[in-house]
C-alpha atoms as a PDB file:
ATOM      1  CA  MET A   1      21.648   4.082  -0.641  1.00  0.00           C
ATOM      2  CA  SER A   2      20.353   2.421  -3.802  1.00  0.00           C
ATOM      3  CA  ARG A   3      20.745  -1.108  -2.274  1.00  0.00           C
ATOM      4  CA  SER A   4      18.688  -0.028   0.533  1.00  0.00           C
ATOM      5  CA  ALA A   5      15.744   0.727  -1.424  1.00  0.00           C
ATOM      6  CA  PRO A   6      13.921  -2.292  -1.790  1.00  0.00           C
ATOM      7  CA  PHE A   7      14.457  -2.930   1.911  1.00  0.00           C
ATOM      8  CA  LEU A   8      12.978   0.427   2.804  1.00  0.00           C
ATOM      9  CA  VAL A   9       9.591  -0.485   0.482  1.00  0.00           C
ATOM     10  CA  VAL A  10       9.315  -3.864   2.214  1.00  0.00           C
ATOM     11  CA  VAL A  11       9.718  -2.180   5.447  1.00  0.00           C
ATOM     12  CA  ALA A  12       6.947  -0.076   4.787  1.00  0.00           C
ATOM     13  CA  ALA A  13       4.586  -2.585   3.415  1.00  0.00           C
ATOM     14  CA  SER A  14       5.250  -4.634   6.656  1.00  0.00           C
ATOM     15  CA  LEU A  15       4.035  -1.489   8.796  1.00  0.00           C
ATOM     16  CA  TRP A  16       0.678  -1.483   6.394  1.00  0.00           C
ATOM     17  CA  GLY A  17       0.325  -5.215   7.621  1.00  0.00           C
ATOM     18  CA  ILE A  18       0.530  -4.061  11.237  1.00  0.00           C
ATOM     19  CA  ASP A  19      -1.897  -1.374  10.332  1.00  0.00           C
ATOM     20  CA  GLY A  20      -4.537  -3.706   9.210  1.00  0.00           C
ATOM     21  CA  ILE A  21      -4.277  -6.279  11.613  1.00  0.00           C
ATOM     22  CA  VAL A  22      -3.338  -4.159  14.964  1.00  0.00           C
ATOM     23  CA  LEU A  23      -4.725  -0.771  14.755  1.00  0.00           C
ATOM     24  CA  ARG A  24      -7.332  -0.187  12.262  1.00  0.00           C
ATOM     25  CA  PRO A  25      -9.880  -2.854  13.893  1.00  0.00           C
ATOM     26  CA  ALA A  26     -10.100   0.021  16.559  1.00  0.00           C
ATOM     27  CA  LEU A  27     -12.225   2.367  13.977  1.00  0.00           C
ATOM     28  CA  TYR A  28     -14.644  -0.186  12.991  1.00  0.00           C
ATOM     29  CA  SER A  29     -17.339   2.110  14.271  1.00  0.00           C
ATOM     30  CA  LEU A  30     -16.781   4.773  12.328  1.00  0.00           C
ATOM     31  CA  PRO A  31     -17.571   5.695   8.408  1.00  0.00           C
ATOM     32  CA  VAL A  32     -14.965   4.553   6.025  1.00  0.00           C
ATOM     33  CA  PRO A  33     -14.694   8.070   4.402  1.00  0.00           C
ATOM     34  CA  LEU A  34     -14.266   9.711   7.810  1.00  0.00           C
ATOM     35  CA  VAL A  35     -11.420   7.298   8.576  1.00  0.00           C
ATOM     36  CA  VAL A  36      -9.402   7.922   5.567  1.00  0.00           C
ATOM     37  CA  LEU A  37      -9.976  11.684   5.719  1.00  0.00           C
ATOM     38  CA  ILE A  38      -8.801  12.093   9.446  1.00  0.00           C
ATOM     39  CA  GLU A  39      -5.571   9.940   8.799  1.00  0.00           C
ATOM     40  CA  SER A  40      -4.744  11.630   5.678  1.00  0.00           C
ATOM     41  CA  SER A  41      -5.063  15.043   7.483  1.00  0.00           C
ATOM     42  CA  ILE A  42      -3.025  14.434  10.477  1.00  0.00           C
ATOM     43  CA  VAL A  43      -0.207  13.561   8.481  1.00  0.00           C
ATOM     44  CA  ALA A  44      -0.785  16.691   6.059  1.00  0.00           C
ATOM     45  CA  LEU A  45      -0.861  18.807   9.270  1.00  0.00           C
ATOM     46  CA  PHE A  46       2.359  16.805  10.565  1.00  0.00           C
ATOM     47  CA  LEU A  47       4.290  17.432   7.290  1.00  0.00           C
ATOM     48  CA  SER A  48       3.144  20.877   6.881  1.00  0.00           C
ATOM     49  CA  PRO A  49       6.978  22.456   7.740  1.00  0.00           C
ATOM     50  CA  ILE A  50       8.412  20.401   4.863  1.00  0.00           C
ATOM     51  CA  PHE A  51       5.922  22.277   2.576  1.00  0.00           C
ATOM     52  CA  ILE A  52       7.093  25.611   3.967  1.00  0.00           C
ATOM     53  CA  LYS A  53      10.779  24.621   3.588  1.00  0.00           C
ATOM     54  CA  LYS A  54      10.368  23.248   0.035  1.00  0.00           C
ATOM     55  CA  PHE A  55       7.867  25.382  -1.476  1.00  0.00           C
ATOM     56  CA  ASP A  56       9.876  26.833  -4.270  1.00  0.00           C
ATOM     57  CA  LYS A  57      10.359  23.199  -5.113  1.00  0.00           C
ATOM     58  CA  LEU A  58       6.768  23.157  -6.469  1.00  0.00           C
ATOM     59  CA  LYS A  59       8.114  25.341  -9.341  1.00  0.00           C
ATOM     60  CA  LEU A  60       9.742  22.512 -10.704  1.00  0.00           C
ATOM     61  CA  LEU A  61       6.344  20.755 -11.222  1.00  0.00           C
ATOM     62  CA  GLU A  62       4.755  20.404 -14.563  1.00  0.00           C
ATOM     63  CA  ARG A  63       1.272  19.593 -15.450  1.00  0.00           C
ATOM     64  CA  LYS A  64       1.903  16.076 -15.912  1.00  0.00           C
ATOM     65  CA  ASP A  65       3.668  15.899 -12.458  1.00  0.00           C
ATOM     66  CA  TRP A  66       0.574  17.428 -11.074  1.00  0.00           C
ATOM     67  CA  LEU A  67      -1.851  15.005 -12.906  1.00  0.00           C
ATOM     68  CA  ALA A  68       0.433  11.851 -11.290  1.00  0.00           C
ATOM     69  CA  PHE A  69       0.042  13.176  -7.674  1.00  0.00           C
ATOM     70  CA  PHE A  70      -3.878  13.537  -8.183  1.00  0.00           C
ATOM     71  CA  GLY A  71      -3.425  10.174  -9.597  1.00  0.00           C
ATOM     72  CA  VAL A  72      -1.587   8.659  -6.495  1.00  0.00           C
ATOM     73  CA  ALA A  73      -4.076  10.729  -3.924  1.00  0.00           C
ATOM     74  CA  LEU A  74      -7.245   9.553  -5.765  1.00  0.00           C
ATOM     75  CA  PHE A  75      -6.285   5.850  -6.264  1.00  0.00           C
ATOM     76  CA  GLY A  76      -3.719   4.886  -3.413  1.00  0.00           C
ATOM     77  CA  GLY A  77      -4.914   7.717  -0.776  1.00  0.00           C
ATOM     78  CA  ALA A  78      -8.819   7.636  -1.200  1.00  0.00           C
ATOM     79  CA  VAL A  79     -10.108   4.589  -3.542  1.00  0.00           C
ATOM     80  CA  GLY A  80      -7.756   2.206  -2.623  1.00  0.00           C
ATOM     81  CA  THR A  81      -7.389   3.090   1.096  1.00  0.00           C
ATOM     82  CA  MET A  82     -11.433   3.060   1.504  1.00  0.00           C
ATOM     83  CA  ALA A  83     -11.651  -0.222  -0.615  1.00  0.00           C
ATOM     84  CA  ILE A  84      -9.028  -2.006   1.656  1.00  0.00           C
ATOM     85  CA  THR A  85     -10.669  -0.445   4.569  1.00  0.00           C
ATOM     86  CA  LYS A  86     -14.302  -1.410   3.716  1.00  0.00           C
ATOM     87  CA  ALA A  87     -13.291  -4.994   3.139  1.00  0.00           C
ATOM     88  CA  LEU A  88     -11.663  -5.505   6.365  1.00  0.00           C
ATOM     89  CA  PHE A  89     -14.656  -4.104   7.986  1.00  0.00           C
ATOM     90  CA  TYR A  90     -17.254  -6.295   5.930  1.00  0.00           C
ATOM     91  CA  VAL A  91     -15.218  -9.211   7.257  1.00  0.00           C
ATOM     92  CA  ASN A  92     -14.744  -7.870  10.940  1.00  0.00           C
ATOM     93  CA  PHE A  93     -11.240  -8.415  10.544  1.00  0.00           C
ATOM     94  CA  VAL A  94     -11.318 -12.154  11.037  1.00  0.00           C
ATOM     95  CA  ASN A  95     -11.428 -13.896   7.513  1.00  0.00           C
ATOM     96  CA  LEU A  96      -8.497 -12.446   6.631  1.00  0.00           C
ATOM     97  CA  SER A  97      -7.961 -14.549   3.628  1.00  0.00           C
ATOM     98  CA  VAL A  98     -10.187 -13.039   1.202  1.00  0.00           C
ATOM     99  CA  VAL A  99      -9.052  -9.388   1.764  1.00  0.00           C
ATOM    100  CA  ILE A 100      -5.066 -10.296   1.503  1.00  0.00           C
ATOM    101  CA  LEU A 101      -5.935 -11.797  -1.631  1.00  0.00           C
ATOM    102  CA  ILE A 102      -5.422  -8.141  -3.238  1.00  0.00           C
ATOM    103  CA  GLN A 103      -1.714  -8.590  -2.502  1.00  0.00           C
ATOM    104  CA  LYS A 104      -1.590 -11.470  -4.718  1.00  0.00           C
ATOM    105  CA  LEU A 105      -3.335  -9.922  -7.422  1.00  0.00           C
ATOM    106  CA  GLN A 106      -1.411  -6.362  -7.266  1.00  0.00           C
ATOM    107  CA  PRO A 107       1.539  -7.251  -8.870  1.00  0.00           C
ATOM    108  CA  VAL A 108      -0.204  -8.200 -11.953  1.00  0.00           C
ATOM    109  CA  PHE A 109      -1.835  -4.889 -12.525  1.00  0.00           C
ATOM    110  CA  ALA A 110       1.179  -2.990 -11.457  1.00  0.00           C
ATOM    111  CA  LEU A 111       3.266  -4.753 -14.172  1.00  0.00           C
ATOM    112  CA  ILE A 112       0.864  -3.921 -16.979  1.00  0.00           C
ATOM    113  CA  PHE A 113       0.295  -0.247 -15.755  1.00  0.00           C
ATOM    114  CA  SER A 114       4.235   0.127 -15.281  1.00  0.00           C
ATOM    115  CA  GLY A 115       4.809  -0.794 -19.126  1.00  0.00           C
ATOM    116  CA  ILE A 116       1.595   1.171 -20.405  1.00  0.00           C
ATOM    117  CA  ILE A 117       2.697   4.249 -18.207  1.00  0.00           C
ATOM    118  CA  LEU A 118       6.329   4.571 -17.449  1.00  0.00           C
ATOM    119  CA  LYS A 119       7.449   2.268 -20.261  1.00  0.00           C
ATOM    120  CA  GLU A 120       9.349   0.446 -18.007  1.00  0.00           C
ATOM    121  CA  ARG A 121      11.272  -2.569 -19.680  1.00  0.00           C
ATOM    122  CA  LEU A 122      12.487  -5.356 -17.591  1.00  0.00           C
ATOM    123  CA  PRO A 123      14.487  -8.524 -18.649  1.00  0.00           C
ATOM    124  CA  LYS A 124      12.167 -11.785 -19.298  1.00  0.00           C
ATOM    125  CA  ILE A 125      13.856 -13.409 -15.996  1.00  0.00           C
ATOM    126  CA  PHE A 126      12.143 -10.823 -14.160  1.00  0.00           C
ATOM    127  CA  PHE A 127       8.710 -11.894 -14.865  1.00  0.00           C
ATOM    128  CA  LEU A 128       9.464 -15.506 -13.868  1.00  0.00           C
ATOM    129  CA  TRP A 129      10.567 -14.190 -10.608  1.00  0.00           C
ATOM    130  CA  ALA A 130       7.542 -12.017 -10.016  1.00  0.00           C
ATOM    131  CA  SER A 131       5.294 -14.701 -10.992  1.00  0.00           C
ATOM    132  CA  LEU A 132       6.971 -16.890  -8.398  1.00  0.00           C
ATOM    133  CA  ALA A 133       6.618 -14.230  -5.747  1.00  0.00           C
ATOM    134  CA  VAL A 134       3.041 -14.086  -6.206  1.00  0.00           C
ATOM    135  CA  LEU A 135       2.862 -17.595  -6.410  1.00  0.00           C
ATOM    136  CA  GLY A 136       4.637 -17.910  -3.068  1.00  0.00           C
ATOM    137  CA  ALA A 137       2.199 -15.363  -1.549  1.00  0.00           C
ATOM    138  CA  TYR A 138      -0.788 -17.313  -2.728  1.00  0.00           C
ATOM    139  CA  ILE A 139       0.670 -20.594  -0.963  1.00  0.00           C
ATOM    140  CA  MET A 140       1.648 -18.581   2.147  1.00  0.00           C
ATOM    141  CA  THR A 141      -1.902 -17.458   2.479  1.00  0.00           C
ATOM    142  CA  PHE A 142      -3.950 -20.374   1.195  1.00  0.00           C
ATOM    143  CA  GLY A 143      -1.673 -23.337   0.921  1.00  0.00           C
ATOM    144  CA  PHE A 144      -2.841 -25.359  -1.897  1.00  0.00           C
ATOM    145  CA  SER A 145      -6.469 -24.734  -1.421  1.00  0.00           C
ATOM    146  CA  ALA A 146      -8.645 -22.345  -3.127  1.00  0.00           C
ATOM    147  CA  PRO A 147      -9.785 -18.935  -1.418  1.00  0.00           C
ATOM    148  CA  LYS A 148     -13.084 -19.662   0.483  1.00  0.00           C
ATOM    149  CA  PHE A 149     -15.651 -16.831  -0.390  1.00  0.00           C
ATOM    150  CA  TYR A 150     -18.406 -18.238   1.424  1.00  0.00           C
ATOM    151  CA  THR A 151     -17.608 -18.078   5.004  1.00  0.00           C
ATOM    152  CA  GLY A 152     -19.964 -15.505   6.097  1.00  0.00           C
ATOM    153  CA  ASP A 153     -22.093 -12.584   4.999  1.00  0.00           C
ATOM    154  CA  LYS A 154     -20.973 -10.020   2.703  1.00  0.00           C
ATOM    155  CA  THR A 155     -17.589 -12.325   1.812  1.00  0.00           C
ATOM    156  CA  LEU A 156     -18.126 -11.674  -1.753  1.00  0.00           C
ATOM    157  CA  ILE A 157     -18.454  -8.015  -1.334  1.00  0.00           C
ATOM    158  CA  ALA A 158     -15.185  -7.702   0.782  1.00  0.00           C
ATOM    159  CA  ALA A 159     -13.298  -9.914  -2.160  1.00  0.00           C
ATOM    160  CA  LEU A 160     -14.724  -7.449  -5.013  1.00  0.00           C
ATOM    161  CA  LEU A 161     -13.773  -4.406  -2.520  1.00  0.00           C
ATOM    162  CA  SER A 162     -10.256  -6.077  -2.358  1.00  0.00           C
ATOM    163  CA  LEU A 163     -10.277  -6.456  -6.255  1.00  0.00           C
ATOM    164  CA  ILE A 164     -10.837  -2.800  -6.606  1.00  0.00           C
ATOM    165  CA  ALA A 165      -8.226  -2.192  -3.618  1.00  0.00           C
ATOM    166  CA  ALA A 166      -5.578  -4.139  -5.895  1.00  0.00           C
ATOM    167  CA  ILE A 167      -6.154  -2.135  -8.880  1.00  0.00           C
ATOM    168  CA  SER A 168      -6.012   1.183  -7.080  1.00  0.00           C
ATOM    169  CA  PHE A 169      -2.827   0.345  -5.260  1.00  0.00           C
ATOM    170  CA  SER A 170      -1.192  -0.907  -8.446  1.00  0.00           C
ATOM    171  CA  SER A 171      -1.883   2.219 -10.225  1.00  0.00           C
ATOM    172  CA  SER A 172      -0.799   4.405  -7.562  1.00  0.00           C
ATOM    173  CA  THR A 173       2.388   2.665  -7.336  1.00  0.00           C
ATOM    174  CA  VAL A 174       3.015   3.595 -11.055  1.00  0.00           C
ATOM    175  CA  PHE A 175       2.024   7.055 -10.498  1.00  0.00           C
ATOM    176  CA  SER A 176       4.066   7.625  -7.339  1.00  0.00           C
ATOM    177  CA  LYS A 177       7.239   6.687  -9.306  1.00  0.00           C
ATOM    178  CA  ARG A 178       6.270   9.365 -11.965  1.00  0.00           C
ATOM    179  CA  ALA A 179       5.262  11.773  -9.858  1.00  0.00           C
ATOM    180  CA  LEU A 180       8.516  11.740  -8.039  1.00  0.00           C
ATOM    181  CA  ARG A 181      10.335  12.283 -11.365  1.00  0.00           C
ATOM    182  CA  ASN A 182      10.984  15.933 -10.432  1.00  0.00           C
ATOM    183  CA  VAL A 183      10.435  16.242  -6.653  1.00  0.00           C
ATOM    184  CA  GLY A 184      11.947  14.777  -3.479  1.00  0.00           C
ATOM    185  CA  PHE A 185      10.516  11.771  -1.484  1.00  0.00           C
ATOM    186  CA  GLU A 186       9.443  14.559   1.618  1.00  0.00           C
ATOM    187  CA  MET A 187       7.547  16.764  -0.691  1.00  0.00           C
ATOM    188  CA  GLY A 188       6.144  13.819  -2.661  1.00  0.00           C
ATOM    189  CA  THR A 189       4.892  12.353   0.780  1.00  0.00           C
ATOM    190  CA  TYR A 190       3.219  15.756   1.819  1.00  0.00           C
ATOM    191  CA  LEU A 191       1.349  16.347  -1.660  1.00  0.00           C
ATOM    192  CA  ARG A 192       0.340  12.697  -1.297  1.00  0.00           C
ATOM    193  CA  PHE A 193      -1.427  13.128   1.774  1.00  0.00           C
ATOM    194  CA  LEU A 194      -2.548  16.756   1.153  1.00  0.00           C
ATOM    195  CA  LEU A 195      -4.170  15.962  -1.997  1.00  0.00           C
ATOM    196  CA  SER A 196      -5.737  12.784  -0.564  1.00  0.00           C
ATOM    197  CA  ALA A 197      -7.236  15.044   2.739  1.00  0.00           C
ATOM    198  CA  PHE A 198      -9.171  17.155   0.193  1.00  0.00           C
ATOM    199  CA  ILE A 199     -10.594  14.513  -1.891  1.00  0.00           C
ATOM    200  CA  MET A 200     -11.864  12.830   1.325  1.00  0.00           C
ATOM    201  CA  LEU A 201     -13.234  15.998   2.510  1.00  0.00           C
ATOM    202  CA  VAL A 202     -15.425  16.377  -0.694  1.00  0.00           C
ATOM    203  CA  LEU A 203     -16.488  12.746  -0.103  1.00  0.00           C
ATOM    204  CA  ALA A 204     -16.968  13.093   3.789  1.00  0.00           C
ATOM    205  CA  ILE A 205     -19.357  16.148   3.274  1.00  0.00           C
ATOM    206  CA  SER A 206     -21.216  14.373   0.501  1.00  0.00           C
ATOM    207  CA  THR A 207     -21.907  11.215   2.020  1.00  0.00           C
ATOM    208  CA  GLY A 208     -22.522  12.934   5.461  1.00  0.00           C
ATOM    209  CA  SER A 209     -19.844  11.055   7.065  1.00  0.00           C
ATOM    210  CA  LEU A 210     -18.318  14.311   8.397  1.00  0.00           C
ATOM    211  CA  GLY A 211     -20.911  14.664  11.276  1.00  0.00           C
ATOM    212  CA  ALA A 212     -19.607  11.497  12.747  1.00  0.00           C
ATOM    213  CA  ILE A 213     -16.730  13.084  13.771  1.00  0.00           C
ATOM    214  CA  THR A 214     -18.240  13.807  17.198  1.00  0.00           C
ATOM    215  CA  GLU A 215     -18.288  10.510  17.785  1.00  0.00           C
ATOM    216  CA  VAL A 216     -14.668   9.354  17.658  1.00  0.00           C
ATOM    217  CA  SER A 217     -13.558   8.312  21.113  1.00  0.00           C
ATOM    218  CA  SER A 218     -10.309   9.298  22.858  1.00  0.00           C
ATOM    219  CA  THR A 219      -8.808   5.756  21.906  1.00  0.00           C
ATOM    220  CA  GLN A 220      -9.695   6.146  18.622  1.00  0.00           C
ATOM    221  CA  TRP A 221      -7.894   9.620  18.300  1.00  0.00           C
ATOM    222  CA  LEU A 222      -5.016   7.733  19.705  1.00  0.00           C
ATOM    223  CA  VAL A 223      -4.996   5.148  17.312  1.00  0.00           C
ATOM    224  CA  PHE A 224      -5.393   7.731  14.530  1.00  0.00           C
ATOM    225  CA  PHE A 225      -2.010   9.283  15.831  1.00  0.00           C
ATOM    226  CA  LEU A 226      -0.135   5.861  16.049  1.00  0.00           C
ATOM    227  CA  ILE A 227      -1.320   5.381  12.295  1.00  0.00           C
ATOM    228  CA  ALA A 228      -0.108   8.863  11.059  1.00  0.00           C
ATOM    229  CA  PHE A 229       3.102   8.707  12.706  1.00  0.00           C
ATOM    230  CA  THR A 230       3.879   4.714  12.019  1.00  0.00           C
ATOM    231  CA  THR A 231       1.947   2.845   9.427  1.00  0.00           C
ATOM    232  CA  GLY A 232       0.402   5.918   7.735  1.00  0.00           C
ATOM    233  CA  GLY A 233       2.827   8.711   7.630  1.00  0.00           C
ATOM    234  CA  ALA A 234       5.947   7.134   8.495  1.00  0.00           C
ATOM    235  CA  ALA A 235       5.432   4.318   6.090  1.00  0.00           C
ATOM    236  CA  ILE A 236       4.860   6.293   3.066  1.00  0.00           C
ATOM    237  CA  PHE A 237       7.786   8.452   3.746  1.00  0.00           C
ATOM    238  CA  LEU A 238       9.954   5.208   3.898  1.00  0.00           C
ATOM    239  CA  TYR A 239       7.981   3.767   0.680  1.00  0.00           C
ATOM    240  CA  TYR A 240       8.663   7.275  -1.417  1.00  0.00           C
ATOM    241  CA  TYR A 241      12.365   7.227  -0.395  1.00  0.00           C
ATOM    242  CA  GLY A 242      12.751   3.705  -1.889  1.00  0.00           C
ATOM    243  CA  LEU A 243      10.676   4.193  -4.551  1.00  0.00           C
ATOM    244  CA  LYS A 244      12.790   7.182  -5.811  1.00  0.00           C
ATOM    245  CA  LYS A 245      15.630   4.534  -6.239  1.00  0.00           C
ATOM    246  CA  ILE A 246      13.489   1.403  -7.806  1.00  0.00           C
ATOM    247  CA  THR A 247      11.363   0.679 -10.631  1.00  0.00           C
ATOM    248  CA  ALA A 248       7.511   0.525  -9.979  1.00  0.00           C
ATOM    249  CA  SER A 249       7.560  -3.142 -10.812  1.00  0.00           C
ATOM    250  CA  VAL A 250       9.999  -4.069  -8.512  1.00  0.00           C
ATOM    251  CA  ALA A 251       8.480  -2.028  -5.907  1.00  0.00           C
ATOM    252  CA  THR A 252       5.215  -3.667  -6.039  1.00  0.00           C
ATOM    253  CA  ILE A 253       6.807  -7.286  -5.677  1.00  0.00           C
ATOM    254  CA  CYS A 254       8.628  -5.803  -2.569  1.00  0.00           C
ATOM    255  CA  GLU A 255       4.926  -4.593  -1.489  1.00  0.00           C
ATOM    256  CA  LEU A 256       4.029  -8.406  -0.976  1.00  0.00           C
ATOM    257  CA  ALA A 257       5.723  -8.216   2.455  1.00  0.00           C
ATOM    258  CA  PHE A 258       1.995  -6.864   3.529  1.00  0.00           C
ATOM    259  CA  PRO A 259       0.737 -10.419   3.336  1.00  0.00           C
ATOM    260  CA  MET A 260       3.494 -11.967   5.243  1.00  0.00           C
ATOM    261  CA  THR A 261       3.426  -9.815   7.681  1.00  0.00           C
ATOM    262  CA  ALA A 262      -0.508 -10.349   8.110  1.00  0.00           C
ATOM    263  CA  VAL A 263       0.068 -13.789   8.110  1.00  0.00           C
ATOM    264  CA  VAL A 264       2.861 -14.031  10.946  1.00  0.00           C
ATOM    265  CA  LEU A 265       0.509 -11.711  13.092  1.00  0.00           C
ATOM    266  CA  GLU A 266      -2.088 -13.934  12.829  1.00  0.00           C
ATOM    267  CA  TYR A 267       0.120 -16.479  14.248  1.00  0.00           C
ATOM    268  CA  PHE A 268       1.034 -14.265  17.214  1.00  0.00           C
ATOM    269  CA  LEU A 269      -2.104 -12.576  17.884  1.00  0.00           C
ATOM    270  CA  HIS A 270      -4.690 -15.016  17.011  1.00  0.00           C
ATOM    271  CA  GLY A 271      -2.620 -18.338  17.258  1.00  0.00           C
ATOM    272  CA  ASN A 272      -3.200 -19.248  13.903  1.00  0.00           C
ATOM    273  CA  ILE A 273      -0.329 -21.592  12.809  1.00  0.00           C
ATOM    274  CA  LEU A 274       1.365 -21.557   9.569  1.00  0.00           C
ATOM    275  CA  SER A 275       1.131 -25.178   8.180  1.00  0.00           C
ATOM    276  CA  ALA A 276       4.722 -26.767   6.467  1.00  0.00           C
ATOM    277  CA  VAL A 277       2.966 -26.037   3.136  1.00  0.00           C
ATOM    278  CA  GLN A 278       2.425 -22.253   3.845  1.00  0.00           C
ATOM    279  CA  TRP A 279       6.260 -22.049   5.153  1.00  0.00           C
ATOM    280  CA  ILE A 280       7.400 -22.971   1.659  1.00  0.00           C
ATOM    281  CA  GLY A 281       5.161 -20.171   0.231  1.00  0.00           C
ATOM    282  CA  VAL A 282       7.206 -17.825   2.794  1.00  0.00           C
ATOM    283  CA  ALA A 283      10.377 -19.030   1.758  1.00  0.00           C
ATOM    284  CA  LEU A 284       9.286 -19.079  -1.945  1.00  0.00           C
ATOM    285  CA  LEU A 285       8.150 -15.242  -1.586  1.00  0.00           C
ATOM    286  CA  LEU A 286      11.312 -14.187   0.278  1.00  0.00           C
ATOM    287  CA  PHE A 287      13.865 -15.791  -2.358  1.00  0.00           C
ATOM    288  CA  SER A 288      11.939 -14.129  -5.058  1.00  0.00           C
ATOM    289  CA  ILE A 289      11.979 -10.784  -3.620  1.00  0.00           C
ATOM    290  CA  VAL A 290      15.706 -11.270  -3.079  1.00  0.00           C
ATOM    291  CA  LYS A 291      15.977 -12.162  -6.703  1.00  0.00           C
ATOM    292  CA  VAL A 292      13.775  -9.521  -8.058  1.00  0.00           C
ATOM    293  CA  THR A 293      16.125  -6.543  -6.087  1.00  0.00           C
ATOM    294  CA  GLY A 294      19.136  -8.384  -8.020  1.00  0.00           C
ATOM    295  CA  ILE A 295      17.919  -7.517 -11.019  1.00  0.00           C
ATOM    296  CA  SER A 296      17.130  -3.914  -9.925  1.00  0.00           C
ATOM    297  CA  PHE A 297      20.602  -3.663  -8.716  1.00  0.00           C
ATOM    298  CA  SER A 298      21.946  -5.017 -12.017  1.00  0.00           C
ATOM    299  CA  ASP A 299      19.719  -2.575 -14.093  1.00  0.00           C
ATOM    300  CA  LEU A 300      20.899   0.472 -11.924  1.00  0.00           C
ATOM    301  CA  SER A 301      24.612  -0.395 -12.695  1.00  0.00           C
ATOM    302  CA  ARG A 302      23.912  -0.429 -16.325  1.00  0.00           C
ATOM    303  CA  GLN A 303      22.351   2.690 -16.281  1.00  0.00           C
ATOM    304  CA  LYS A 304      25.133   4.227 -14.790  1.00  0.00           C
ATOM    305  CA  LYS A 305      27.661   3.024 -16.986  1.00  0.00           C
END
């Protein structure tokens, strides 16, 4: 099952791309803290049976494990999710180039955090393929041009929010790897959403966003449940299963499938056709991911021996 782990992370990241392009736009009229609170709460409630069934596993968690889970909930479930959602809202889900830029920077921060926090050591060739993956993702999105930050109002703010999201999600990936050390991916998924829901409840109350729950339409409730059972809870479930088998460094490269999915969806939904240069970026990204996962398999084999 270790060989399927990187693929599961890629699938999860692809689902996040669908979330941002297809589902989340329907929630544009709602306050961001409320959006994150509702989606986290739905998943936490749905996974409650897992919590009841595996309650004894909580005894295995040490203080550092709880701190890691709190880091995951705070940076990934709260700060990162709010930042990327707000960034998308700022550009009205049209100018995706700036927001997608976060996925080009995320591996850089994740590699730094995994080395500092997890003490992960990878061969030098890893950093070559990691760099090429980032380059491929950049070319896939922007070609050989620089990102255009002045295409509309609030675009620069969206870029700053994207940077915050990049740092937050990168640290969340590393904290997730640490948090899963003494607990299964099922309980890990539940604790991530449960703690995120508590954090977001405090934020929603303090910002006065909670009262807007009466404004959620029936269509938006349907979207919330679709997110919970596909791009939200289900995606994290797959992501944690895969993450438990691979290093955080490899996982963050596999997560570059998100911008690839976004670009493909842009073509099918909005008719934005990729240029020949952008397809070169897609090929470079995919090839780099394959090479990175190959390094991961080699490391796992050596560890077993």
